[in-house]
Amino acid sequence: VYSPGSGHKSRSCFSAQVTYLTTGDHIILKDVGPARYTLFQSDKSFFGLAKIGDTRQSQQQYQMRHNMSVQPQTTTLP
């Protein structure tokens, strides 16, 4: 889709991906080739993240860490 008018014509694009991220992961935006470029304009461009949900395994790990931190430590004496 080209923008109307007589100035610079640009194409519009939408990309989406669902991926599993863990604590400490980094997201980097970069152009994938020399013939492509990204034009970010404050009134037209948007980048966003949405949390879809936790996996069952990460929920269990969180619960284990939380339960371990709040339960008192016990030691059996001889």
PDB file of N, CA and C in Angstrom:
ATOM      1  N   VAL A   1       0.857  -1.171   0.000  1.00  0.00           N
ATOM      2  CA  VAL A   1       0.000   0.000   0.000  1.00  0.00           C
ATOM      3  C   VAL A   1       0.900   1.230   0.000  1.00  0.00           C
ATOM      4  N   TYR A   2       0.682   2.086  -0.942  1.00  0.00           N
ATOM      5  CA  TYR A   2       1.449   3.331  -1.016  1.00  0.00           C
ATOM      6  C   TYR A   2       0.677   4.455  -0.363  1.00  0.00           C
ATOM      7  N   SER A   3       1.402   5.371   0.255  1.00  0.00           N
ATOM      8  CA  SER A   3       0.738   6.513   0.885  1.00  0.00           C
ATOM      9  C   SER A   3       0.369   7.537  -0.181  1.00  0.00           C
ATOM     10  N   PRO A   4      -0.743   8.231  -0.006  1.00  0.00           N
ATOM     11  CA  PRO A   4      -1.154   9.224  -1.000  1.00  0.00           C
ATOM     12  C   PRO A   4      -0.273  10.471  -0.939  1.00  0.00           C
ATOM     13  N   GLY A   5      -0.288  11.247  -1.979  1.00  0.00           N
ATOM     14  CA  GLY A   5       0.469  12.492  -2.008  1.00  0.00           C
ATOM     15  C   GLY A   5       1.609  12.426  -3.003  1.00  0.00           C
ATOM     16  N   SER A   6       2.337  13.530  -3.122  1.00  0.00           N
ATOM     17  CA  SER A   6       3.393  13.601  -4.124  1.00  0.00           C
ATOM     18  C   SER A   6       4.782  13.437  -3.524  1.00  0.00           C
ATOM     19  N   GLY A   7       4.899  13.292  -2.231  1.00  0.00           N
ATOM     20  CA  GLY A   7       6.201  13.161  -1.575  1.00  0.00           C
ATOM     21  C   GLY A   7       6.722  11.733  -1.624  1.00  0.00           C
ATOM     22  N   HIS A   8       7.564  11.421  -0.681  1.00  0.00           N
ATOM     23  CA  HIS A   8       8.165  10.087  -0.572  1.00  0.00           C
ATOM     24  C   HIS A   8       7.080   9.026  -0.407  1.00  0.00           C
ATOM     25  N   LYS A   9       7.151   7.998  -1.202  1.00  0.00           N
ATOM     26  CA  LYS A   9       6.198   6.891  -1.105  1.00  0.00           C
ATOM     27  C   LYS A   9       6.813   5.796  -0.233  1.00  0.00           C
ATOM     28  N   SER A  10       6.085   5.353   0.736  1.00  0.00           N
ATOM     29  CA  SER A  10       6.591   4.278   1.590  1.00  0.00           C
ATOM     30  C   SER A  10       5.565   3.166   1.671  1.00  0.00           C
ATOM     31  N   ARG A  11       6.051   2.010   1.972  1.00  0.00           N
ATOM     32  CA  ARG A  11       5.172   0.855   2.131  1.00  0.00           C
ATOM     33  C   ARG A  11       4.904   0.645   3.619  1.00  0.00           C
ATOM     34  N   SER A  12       3.768   0.088   3.905  1.00  0.00           N
ATOM     35  CA  SER A  12       3.391  -0.193   5.275  1.00  0.00           C
ATOM     36  C   SER A  12       3.640  -1.672   5.543  1.00  0.00           C
ATOM     37  N   CYS A  13       3.989  -1.998   6.767  1.00  0.00           N
ATOM     38  CA  CYS A  13       4.321  -3.387   7.095  1.00  0.00           C
ATOM     39  C   CYS A  13       3.847  -3.703   8.509  1.00  0.00           C
ATOM     40  N   PHE A  14       3.454  -4.942   8.693  1.00  0.00           N
ATOM     41  CA  PHE A  14       3.132  -5.447  10.024  1.00  0.00           C
ATOM     42  C   PHE A  14       3.805  -6.798  10.169  1.00  0.00           C
ATOM     43  N   SER A  15       4.549  -6.991  11.230  1.00  0.00           N
ATOM     44  CA  SER A  15       5.201  -8.269  11.512  1.00  0.00           C
ATOM     45  C   SER A  15       4.846  -8.679  12.929  1.00  0.00           C
ATOM     46  N   ALA A  16       4.703  -9.973  13.143  1.00  0.00           N
ATOM     47  CA  ALA A  16       4.391 -10.478  14.476  1.00  0.00           C
ATOM     48  C   ALA A  16       5.091 -11.806  14.687  1.00  0.00           C
ATOM     49  N   GLN A  17       5.399 -12.093  15.930  1.00  0.00           N
ATOM     50  CA  GLN A  17       6.025 -13.362  16.275  1.00  0.00           C
ATOM     51  C   GLN A  17       5.689 -13.678  17.721  1.00  0.00           C
ATOM     52  N   VAL A  18       5.500 -14.937  18.007  1.00  0.00           N
ATOM     53  CA  VAL A  18       5.322 -15.401  19.382  1.00  0.00           C
ATOM     54  C   VAL A  18       6.549 -16.225  19.720  1.00  0.00           C
ATOM     55  N   THR A  19       7.224 -15.864  20.782  1.00  0.00           N
ATOM     56  CA  THR A  19       8.420 -16.593  21.185  1.00  0.00           C
ATOM     57  C   THR A  19       8.505 -16.616  22.704  1.00  0.00           C
ATOM     58  N   TYR A  20       9.149 -17.628  23.236  1.00  0.00           N
ATOM     59  CA  TYR A  20       9.297 -17.787  24.677  1.00  0.00           C
ATOM     60  C   TYR A  20      10.518 -16.995  25.127  1.00  0.00           C
ATOM     61  N   LEU A  21      10.343 -16.104  26.073  1.00  0.00           N
ATOM     62  CA  LEU A  21      11.433 -15.316  26.636  1.00  0.00           C
ATOM     63  C   LEU A  21      11.632 -15.699  28.090  1.00  0.00           C
ATOM     64  N   THR A  22      12.880 -15.676  28.512  1.00  0.00           N
ATOM     65  CA  THR A  22      13.189 -15.945  29.911  1.00  0.00           C
ATOM     66  C   THR A  22      13.855 -14.714  30.513  1.00  0.00           C
ATOM     67  N   THR A  23      13.980 -14.694  31.807  1.00  0.00           N
ATOM     68  CA  THR A  23      14.603 -13.581  32.506  1.00  0.00           C
ATOM     69  C   THR A  23      16.008 -13.360  31.970  1.00  0.00           C
ATOM     70  N   GLY A  24      16.323 -12.120  31.651  1.00  0.00           N
ATOM     71  CA  GLY A  24      17.652 -11.781  31.147  1.00  0.00           C
ATOM     72  C   GLY A  24      17.754 -11.754  29.634  1.00  0.00           C
ATOM     73  N   ASP A  25      16.737 -12.226  28.924  1.00  0.00           N
ATOM     74  CA  ASP A  25      16.748 -12.177  27.460  1.00  0.00           C
ATOM     75  C   ASP A  25      16.693 -10.728  26.997  1.00  0.00           C
ATOM     76  N   HIS A  26      17.268 -10.469  25.826  1.00  0.00           N
ATOM     77  CA  HIS A  26      17.263  -9.136  25.227  1.00  0.00           C
ATOM     78  C   HIS A  26      16.592  -9.205  23.871  1.00  0.00           C
ATOM     79  N   ILE A  27      15.915  -8.141  23.496  1.00  0.00           N
ATOM     80  CA  ILE A  27      15.286  -8.028  22.182  1.00  0.00           C
ATOM     81  C   ILE A  27      16.031  -6.945  21.416  1.00  0.00           C
ATOM     82  N   ILE A  28      16.446  -7.269  20.194  1.00  0.00           N
ATOM     83  CA  ILE A  28      17.179  -6.327  19.356  1.00  0.00           C
ATOM     84  C   ILE A  28      16.433  -6.169  18.042  1.00  0.00           C
ATOM     85  N   LEU A  29      16.192  -4.932  17.641  1.00  0.00           N
ATOM     86  CA  LEU A  29      15.587  -4.646  16.346  1.00  0.00           C
ATOM     87  C   LEU A  29      16.697  -4.265  15.379  1.00  0.00           C
ATOM     88  N   LYS A  30      16.750  -4.933  14.236  1.00  0.00           N
ATOM     89  CA  LYS A  30      17.761  -4.578  13.246  1.00  0.00           C
ATOM     90  C   LYS A  30      17.252  -4.912  11.854  1.00  0.00           C
ATOM     91  N   ASP A  31      17.790  -4.222  10.866  1.00  0.00           N
ATOM     92  CA  ASP A  31      17.450  -4.515   9.480  1.00  0.00           C
ATOM     93  C   ASP A  31      18.109  -5.830   9.090  1.00  0.00           C
ATOM     94  N   VAL A  32      17.411  -6.650   8.317  1.00  0.00           N
ATOM     95  CA  VAL A  32      17.912  -7.981   7.987  1.00  0.00           C
ATOM     96  C   VAL A  32      18.768  -8.020   6.731  1.00  0.00           C
ATOM     97  N   GLY A  33      18.881  -6.934   6.018  1.00  0.00           N
ATOM     98  CA  GLY A  33      19.699  -6.909   4.813  1.00  0.00           C
ATOM     99  C   GLY A  33      19.980  -5.492   4.371  1.00  0.00           C
ATOM    100  N   PRO A  34      20.982  -5.308   3.508  1.00  0.00           N
ATOM    101  CA  PRO A  34      21.348  -3.957   3.078  1.00  0.00           C
ATOM    102  C   PRO A  34      20.284  -3.284   2.209  1.00  0.00           C
ATOM    103  N   ALA A  35      19.432  -4.055   1.556  1.00  0.00           N
ATOM    104  CA  ALA A  35      18.407  -3.478   0.685  1.00  0.00           C
ATOM    105  C   ALA A  35      17.140  -3.103   1.459  1.00  0.00           C
ATOM    106  N   ARG A  36      17.131  -3.342   2.748  1.00  0.00           N
ATOM    107  CA  ARG A  36      15.956  -3.034   3.571  1.00  0.00           C
ATOM    108  C   ARG A  36      16.321  -1.979   4.598  1.00  0.00           C
ATOM    109  N   TYR A  37      15.368  -1.180   4.950  1.00  0.00           N
ATOM    110  CA  TYR A  37      15.604  -0.191   5.993  1.00  0.00           C
ATOM    111  C   TYR A  37      14.339  -0.007   6.815  1.00  0.00           C
ATOM    112  N   THR A  38      14.544   0.439   8.029  1.00  0.00           N
ATOM    113  CA  THR A  38      13.430   0.693   8.932  1.00  0.00           C
ATOM    114  C   THR A  38      13.349   2.190   9.171  1.00  0.00           C
ATOM    115  N   LEU A  39      12.190   2.726   9.033  1.00  0.00           N
ATOM    116  CA  LEU A  39      11.971   4.151   9.239  1.00  0.00           C
ATOM    117  C   LEU A  39      11.022   4.312  10.420  1.00  0.00           C
ATOM    118  N   PHE A  40      11.563   4.728  11.556  1.00  0.00           N
ATOM    119  CA  PHE A  40      10.728   4.965  12.729  1.00  0.00           C
ATOM    120  C   PHE A  40      10.393   6.449  12.807  1.00  0.00           C
ATOM    121  N   GLN A  41       9.117   6.753  12.823  1.00  0.00           N
ATOM    122  CA  GLN A  41       8.651   8.123  12.994  1.00  0.00           C
ATOM    123  C   GLN A  41       7.721   8.147  14.199  1.00  0.00           C
ATOM    124  N   SER A  42       7.923   9.124  15.066  1.00  0.00           N
ATOM    125  CA  SER A  42       7.190   9.137  16.340  1.00  0.00           C
ATOM    126  C   SER A  42       5.678   9.179  16.171  1.00  0.00           C
ATOM    127  N   ASP A  43       5.186   9.754  15.087  1.00  0.00           N
ATOM    128  CA  ASP A  43       3.733   9.834  14.906  1.00  0.00           C
ATOM    129  C   ASP A  43       3.152   8.678  14.098  1.00  0.00           C
ATOM    130  N   LYS A  44       4.020   7.785  13.570  1.00  0.00           N
ATOM    131  CA  LYS A  44       3.528   6.710  12.707  1.00  0.00           C
ATOM    132  C   LYS A  44       3.999   5.315  13.105  1.00  0.00           C
ATOM    133  N   SER A  45       5.069   5.216  13.869  1.00  0.00           N
ATOM    134  CA  SER A  45       5.686   3.917  14.142  1.00  0.00           C
ATOM    135  C   SER A  45       5.305   3.412  15.527  1.00  0.00           C
ATOM    136  N   PHE A  46       5.263   2.105  15.650  1.00  0.00           N
ATOM    137  CA  PHE A  46       4.909   1.495  16.925  1.00  0.00           C
ATOM    138  C   PHE A  46       5.649   0.178  17.058  1.00  0.00           C
ATOM    139  N   PHE A  47       6.197  -0.065  18.233  1.00  0.00           N
ATOM    140  CA  PHE A  47       6.767  -1.357  18.583  1.00  0.00           C
ATOM    141  C   PHE A  47       6.212  -1.706  19.946  1.00  0.00           C
ATOM    142  N   GLY A  48       5.661  -2.888  20.074  1.00  0.00           N
ATOM    143  CA  GLY A  48       5.075  -3.263  21.352  1.00  0.00           C
ATOM    144  C   GLY A  48       5.294  -4.721  21.679  1.00  0.00           C
ATOM    145  N   LEU A  49       5.177  -5.040  22.941  1.00  0.00           N
ATOM    146  CA  LEU A  49       5.259  -6.411  23.437  1.00  0.00           C
ATOM    147  C   LEU A  49       3.995  -6.712  24.221  1.00  0.00           C
ATOM    148  N   ALA A  50       3.564  -7.935  24.141  1.00  0.00           N
ATOM    149  CA  ALA A  50       2.401  -8.370  24.918  1.00  0.00           C
ATOM    150  C   ALA A  50       2.729  -9.705  25.565  1.00  0.00           C
ATOM    151  N   LYS A  51       2.448  -9.817  26.836  1.00  0.00           N
ATOM    152  CA  LYS A  51       2.653 -11.079  27.539  1.00  0.00           C
ATOM    153  C   LYS A  51       1.417 -11.932  27.335  1.00  0.00           C
ATOM    154  N   ILE A  52       1.614 -13.084  26.719  1.00  0.00           N
ATOM    155  CA  ILE A  52       0.489 -13.976  26.442  1.00  0.00           C
ATOM    156  C   ILE A  52       0.159 -14.811  27.669  1.00  0.00           C
ATOM    157  N   GLY A  53       1.165 -15.250  28.394  1.00  0.00           N
ATOM    158  CA  GLY A  53       0.933 -16.031  29.600  1.00  0.00           C
ATOM    159  C   GLY A  53       2.180 -16.782  29.991  1.00  0.00           C
ATOM    160  N   ASP A  54       2.156 -17.348  31.154  1.00  0.00           N
ATOM    161  CA  ASP A  54       3.264 -18.156  31.630  1.00  0.00           C
ATOM    162  C   ASP A  54       3.046 -19.604  31.234  1.00  0.00           C
ATOM    163  N   THR A  55       4.133 -20.288  30.947  1.00  0.00           N
ATOM    164  CA  THR A  55       4.018 -21.717  30.695  1.00  0.00           C
ATOM    165  C   THR A  55       3.776 -22.414  32.026  1.00  0.00           C
ATOM    166  N   ARG A  56       3.247 -23.582  31.975  1.00  0.00           N
ATOM    167  CA  ARG A  56       2.973 -24.328  33.205  1.00  0.00           C
ATOM    168  C   ARG A  56       4.273 -24.577  33.974  1.00  0.00           C
ATOM    169  N   GLN A  57       5.369 -24.857  33.244  1.00  0.00           N
ATOM    170  CA  GLN A  57       6.644 -25.109  33.905  1.00  0.00           C
ATOM    171  C   GLN A  57       7.140 -23.860  34.632  1.00  0.00           C
ATOM    172  N   SER A  58       7.042 -22.684  34.004  1.00  0.00           N
ATOM    173  CA  SER A  58       7.511 -21.469  34.675  1.00  0.00           C
ATOM    174  C   SER A  58       6.628 -21.135  35.871  1.00  0.00           C
ATOM    175  N   GLN A  59       5.340 -21.432  35.799  1.00  0.00           N
ATOM    176  CA  GLN A  59       4.463 -21.219  36.947  1.00  0.00           C
ATOM    177  C   GLN A  59       4.882 -22.118  38.101  1.00  0.00           C
ATOM    178  N   GLN A  60       5.202 -23.378  37.803  1.00  0.00           N
ATOM    179  CA  GLN A  60       5.621 -24.312  38.847  1.00  0.00           C
ATOM    180  C   GLN A  60       6.952 -23.878  39.453  1.00  0.00           C
ATOM    181  N   GLN A  61       7.889 -23.418  38.603  1.00  0.00           N
ATOM    182  CA  GLN A  61       9.175 -22.960  39.117  1.00  0.00           C
ATOM    183  C   GLN A  61       8.992 -21.752  40.025  1.00  0.00           C
ATOM    184  N   TYR A  62       8.119 -20.826  39.633  1.00  0.00           N
ATOM    185  CA  TYR A  62       7.850 -19.654  40.463  1.00  0.00           C
ATOM    186  C   TYR A  62       7.266 -20.084  41.806  1.00  0.00           C
ATOM    187  N   GLN A  63       6.310 -21.002  41.772  1.00  0.00           N
ATOM    188  CA  GLN A  63       5.683 -21.463  43.010  1.00  0.00           C
ATOM    189  C   GLN A  63       6.702 -22.154  43.907  1.00  0.00           C
ATOM    190  N   MET A  64       7.593 -22.953  43.308  1.00  0.00           N
ATOM    191  CA  MET A  64       8.613 -23.636  44.107  1.00  0.00           C
ATOM    192  C   MET A  64       9.540 -22.621  44.762  1.00  0.00           C
ATOM    193  N   ARG A  65       9.990 -21.615  44.007  1.00  0.00           N
ATOM    194  CA  ARG A  65      10.876 -20.592  44.579  1.00  0.00           C
ATOM    195  C   ARG A  65      10.149 -19.814  45.669  1.00  0.00           C
ATOM    196  N   HIS A  66       8.890 -19.453  45.414  1.00  0.00           N
ATOM    197  CA  HIS A  66       8.121 -18.676  46.392  1.00  0.00           C
ATOM    198  C   HIS A  66       7.880 -19.495  47.658  1.00  0.00           C
ATOM    199  N   ASN A  67       7.489 -20.745  47.502  1.00  0.00           N
ATOM    200  CA  ASN A  67       7.226 -21.599  48.666  1.00  0.00           C
ATOM    201  C   ASN A  67       8.491 -21.846  49.464  1.00  0.00           C
ATOM    202  N   MET A  68       9.622 -22.011  48.776  1.00  0.00           N
ATOM    203  CA  MET A  68      10.879 -22.259  49.474  1.00  0.00           C
ATOM    204  C   MET A  68      11.319 -21.030  50.257  1.00  0.00           C
ATOM    205  N   SER A  69      11.021 -19.836  49.738  1.00  0.00           N
ATOM    206  CA  SER A  69      11.491 -18.625  50.407  1.00  0.00           C
ATOM    207  C   SER A  69      10.638 -18.254  51.620  1.00  0.00           C
ATOM    208  N   VAL A  70       9.399 -18.714  51.684  1.00  0.00           N
ATOM    209  CA  VAL A  70       8.541 -18.337  52.806  1.00  0.00           C
ATOM    210  C   VAL A  70       8.432 -19.429  53.867  1.00  0.00           C
ATOM    211  N   GLN A  71       8.821 -20.647  53.551  1.00  0.00           N
ATOM    212  CA  GLN A  71       8.741 -21.717  54.537  1.00  0.00           C
ATOM    213  C   GLN A  71      10.002 -21.708  55.399  1.00  0.00           C
ATOM    214  N   PRO A  72       9.842 -21.912  56.698  1.00  0.00           N
ATOM    215  CA  PRO A  72      11.024 -21.951  57.562  1.00  0.00           C
ATOM    216  C   PRO A  72      11.861 -23.194  57.267  1.00  0.00           C
ATOM    217  N   GLN A  73      13.156 -23.046  57.437  1.00  0.00           N
ATOM    218  CA  GLN A  73      14.067 -24.170  57.231  1.00  0.00           C
ATOM    219  C   GLN A  73      14.046 -25.034  58.492  1.00  0.00           C
ATOM    220  N   THR A  74      13.979 -26.344  58.312  1.00  0.00           N
ATOM    221  CA  THR A  74      13.984 -27.250  59.463  1.00  0.00           C
ATOM    222  C   THR A  74      15.172 -28.188  59.355  1.00  0.00           C
ATOM    223  N   THR A  75      15.708 -28.554  60.486  1.00  0.00           N
ATOM    224  CA  THR A  75      16.830 -29.480  60.533  1.00  0.00           C
ATOM    225  C   THR A  75      16.498 -30.566  61.539  1.00  0.00           C
ATOM    226  N   THR A  76      16.768 -31.813  61.169  1.00  0.00           N
ATOM    227  CA  THR A  76      16.540 -32.932  62.080  1.00  0.00           C
ATOM    228  C   THR A  76      17.805 -33.158  62.894  1.00  0.00           C
ATOM    229  N   LEU A  77      17.661 -33.114  64.207  1.00  0.00           N
ATOM    230  CA  LEU A  77      18.807 -33.341  65.085  1.00  0.00           C
ATOM    231  C   LEU A  77      18.882 -34.811  65.462  1.00  0.00           C
ATOM    232  N   PRO A  78      20.107 -35.328  65.633  1.00  0.00           N
ATOM    233  CA  PRO A  78      20.253 -36.753  66.013  1.00  0.00           C
ATOM    234  C   PRO A  78      19.780 -37.052  67.411  1.00  0.00           C
TER     235      PRO A  78
END
